[in-house]
Protein backbone atom coordinates (compact mmCIF):
# COMPACT_ATOMS: atom_id res chain seq x y z
CA UNK A 1 103.05 -28.07 336.78
CA UNK A 2 101.42 -30.25 336.95
CA UNK A 3 97.94 -29.49 338.48
CA UNK A 4 96.05 -32.15 341.70
CA UNK A 5 95.07 -35.57 339.54
CA UNK A 6 92.31 -36.45 337.56
CA UNK A 7 89.96 -38.93 336.93
CA UNK A 8 88.27 -38.63 333.49
CA UNK A 9 85.56 -36.28 334.19
CA UNK A 10 86.16 -35.60 337.70
CA UNK A 11 88.67 -33.55 338.71
CA UNK A 12 89.84 -32.80 342.96
CA UNK A 13 89.35 -29.41 344.67
CA UNK A 14 90.74 -30.28 348.33
CA UNK A 15 93.66 -27.02 346.85
CA UNK A 16 90.44 -24.97 346.40
CA UNK A 17 88.83 -25.86 349.33
CA UNK A 18 91.19 -24.42 350.58
CA UNK A 19 91.85 -20.84 349.82
CA UNK A 20 89.10 -18.74 349.47
CA UNK A 21 88.98 -17.73 346.51
CA UNK A 22 91.44 -19.70 344.46
CA UNK A 23 90.69 -20.60 341.30
CA UNK A 24 92.41 -23.25 338.59
CA UNK A 25 91.54 -23.41 334.61
CA UNK A 26 91.53 -26.99 333.43
CA UNK A 27 91.24 -28.93 330.27
CA UNK A 28 89.50 -32.20 329.91
CA UNK A 29 88.39 -35.27 327.51
CA UNK A 30 86.88 -38.29 327.83
CA UNK A 31 83.99 -40.90 325.99
CA UNK A 32 80.49 -40.65 326.84
CA UNK A 33 79.09 -43.53 324.90
CA UNK A 34 75.71 -42.90 326.54
CA UNK A 35 74.96 -39.73 325.59
CA UNK A 36 72.42 -40.11 323.17
CA UNK A 37 69.46 -38.59 323.35
CA UNK A 38 66.56 -38.54 321.02
CA UNK A 39 68.14 -38.96 318.16
CA UNK A 40 70.84 -38.09 317.84
CA UNK A 41 74.03 -39.18 319.42
CA UNK A 42 77.87 -38.11 321.05
CA UNK A 43 80.43 -39.31 319.36
CA UNK A 44 83.66 -39.56 320.05
CA UNK A 45 85.01 -37.23 322.82
CA UNK A 46 83.60 -34.26 324.38
CA UNK A 47 86.02 -32.18 325.94
CA UNK A 48 85.88 -29.34 328.62
CA UNK A 49 87.89 -26.27 329.23
CA UNK A 50 86.83 -25.34 332.35
CA UNK A 51 87.39 -23.06 335.00
CA UNK A 52 86.39 -23.41 338.90
CA UNK A 53 86.62 -20.55 341.71
CA UNK A 54 86.19 -20.83 344.87
CA UNK A 55 83.64 -19.39 346.18
CA UNK A 56 81.82 -18.87 350.26
CA UNK A 57 78.73 -21.18 348.12
CA UNK A 58 81.31 -23.80 347.01
CA UNK A 59 82.49 -23.96 343.27
CA UNK A 60 82.12 -22.71 340.50
CA UNK A 61 82.38 -24.22 337.04
CA UNK A 62 82.83 -21.65 334.01
CA UNK A 63 83.43 -23.08 330.85
CA UNK A 64 82.80 -24.90 327.65
CA UNK A 65 82.34 -28.03 326.37
CA UNK A 66 82.88 -29.03 323.06
CA UNK A 67 82.36 -32.34 320.60
CA UNK A 68 80.45 -33.84 317.39
CA UNK A 69 76.92 -35.34 317.60
CA UNK A 70 75.83 -37.93 314.70
CA UNK A 71 72.33 -38.55 313.62
CA UNK A 72 70.06 -38.99 310.51
CA UNK A 73 68.67 -35.95 308.65
CA UNK A 74 64.52 -36.39 309.87
CA UNK A 75 63.77 -35.11 306.68
CA UNK A 76 66.23 -37.68 303.74
CA UNK A 77 67.57 -39.81 306.07
CA UNK A 78 71.09 -38.96 304.96
CA UNK A 79 73.89 -39.21 307.76
CA UNK A 80 74.94 -36.33 309.61
CA UNK A 81 77.66 -34.83 312.27
CA UNK A 82 78.24 -31.64 313.03
CA UNK A 83 80.09 -30.50 316.21
CA UNK A 84 78.39 -28.85 319.07
CA UNK A 85 80.19 -26.25 321.80
CA UNK A 86 78.20 -25.48 324.00
CA UNK A 87 78.70 -23.13 327.70
CA UNK A 88 78.06 -23.55 331.42
CA UNK A 89 78.41 -22.01 334.29
CA UNK A 90 77.66 -24.14 336.94
CA UNK A 91 77.94 -24.38 341.21
CA UNK A 92 79.04 -26.86 342.69
CA UNK A 93 78.13 -27.44 346.63
CA UNK A 94 78.77 -29.44 349.70
CA UNK A 95 74.61 -29.52 350.09
CA UNK A 96 73.97 -29.59 346.56
CA UNK A 97 70.24 -28.09 346.09
CA UNK A 98 68.69 -31.30 343.32
CA UNK A 99 68.04 -29.72 339.67
CA UNK A 100 69.64 -26.86 340.41
CA UNK A 101 74.27 -27.22 341.37
CA UNK A 102 76.24 -30.17 341.36
CA UNK A 103 78.02 -32.15 344.91
CA UNK A 104 80.37 -31.86 345.75
CA UNK A 105 82.09 -35.15 346.86
CA UNK A 106 84.49 -35.09 349.75
CA UNK A 107 87.39 -33.24 347.44
CA UNK A 108 85.95 -34.15 344.07
CA UNK A 109 83.91 -33.69 341.53
CA UNK A 110 82.76 -34.86 339.29
CA UNK A 111 82.15 -32.65 335.53
CA UNK A 112 79.83 -35.32 333.61
CA UNK A 113 76.42 -34.86 335.06
CA UNK A 114 76.84 -31.56 334.28
CA UNK A 115 77.81 -32.89 330.58
CA UNK A 116 75.17 -34.61 330.43
CA UNK A 117 72.58 -32.18 331.53
CA UNK A 118 73.92 -28.60 328.96
CA UNK A 119 74.62 -31.54 326.09
CA UNK A 120 71.17 -33.74 326.13
CA UNK A 121 68.99 -30.24 326.25
CA UNK A 122 71.73 -29.30 322.30
CA UNK A 123 71.44 -31.79 321.01
CA UNK A 124 68.28 -31.54 318.12
CA UNK A 125 65.14 -33.23 318.32
CA UNK A 126 64.25 -33.66 314.41
CA UNK A 127 67.72 -32.81 313.35
CA UNK A 128 67.58 -31.66 309.51
CA UNK A 129 70.33 -31.41 307.16
CA UNK A 130 71.99 -28.79 306.16
CA UNK A 131 71.07 -28.72 302.72
CA UNK A 132 67.53 -28.92 303.16
CA UNK A 133 64.83 -31.04 301.84
CA UNK A 134 62.56 -27.76 299.99
CA UNK A 135 60.25 -30.87 298.54
CA UNK A 136 60.01 -32.75 301.81
CA UNK A 137 56.40 -33.06 303.37
CA UNK A 138 54.99 -30.49 300.24
CA UNK A 139 52.01 -33.56 298.94
CA UNK A 140 51.55 -32.80 303.14
CA UNK A 141 50.71 -29.49 302.50
CA UNK A 142 48.93 -29.17 299.26
CA UNK A 143 46.88 -33.11 300.42
CA UNK A 144 45.61 -30.63 303.69
CA UNK A 145 44.38 -27.70 302.14
CA UNK A 146 41.13 -29.99 300.45
CA UNK A 147 38.45 -30.05 303.10
CA UNK A 148 38.49 -33.42 305.06
CA UNK A 149 35.61 -35.07 303.56
CA UNK A 150 34.59 -37.01 306.69
CA UNK A 151 33.04 -33.18 308.21
CA UNK A 152 31.38 -32.69 304.57
CA UNK A 153 28.45 -32.97 306.45
CA UNK A 154 29.11 -30.31 309.03
CA UNK A 155 30.34 -27.50 306.53
CA UNK A 156 26.72 -27.46 304.41
CA UNK A 157 25.10 -26.58 308.07
CA UNK A 158 23.88 -23.05 307.70
CA UNK A 159 25.28 -21.95 311.15
CA UNK A 160 24.37 -18.43 310.65
CA UNK A 161 20.70 -18.46 311.79
């Protein structure tokens, strides 16, 4: 049995809108080449496993999005790639509340913005490889133990009087 048509991350939901408490599971995949955070980017397709459920307010989308992000280690500058698998539980409604819910557009929902919001919040800001770099920043830490010479005159003041 084939479900309603899907294009990219858009899903036709007319069948769900016409039946209270209707439910449908879907699996989708799409390339989102411009899914880029501060220092990491998604490479290859993102895959979604989602269950859509009709409720009085609209349609709830529950599931997970997975894929791979790539970046450069912020300490050793090695290339990194890691998998992600992120859950989501969001509401689509005819009159969405900005920043809180997503729109139902006629008889379709578009999961792309939901994917972007979910993934971008989880991409690392300063990725570090699993091995780590124990000596990274050691010179900076040792140097910070010494008093700053610009404050030398103030250090000589006796403020206990």
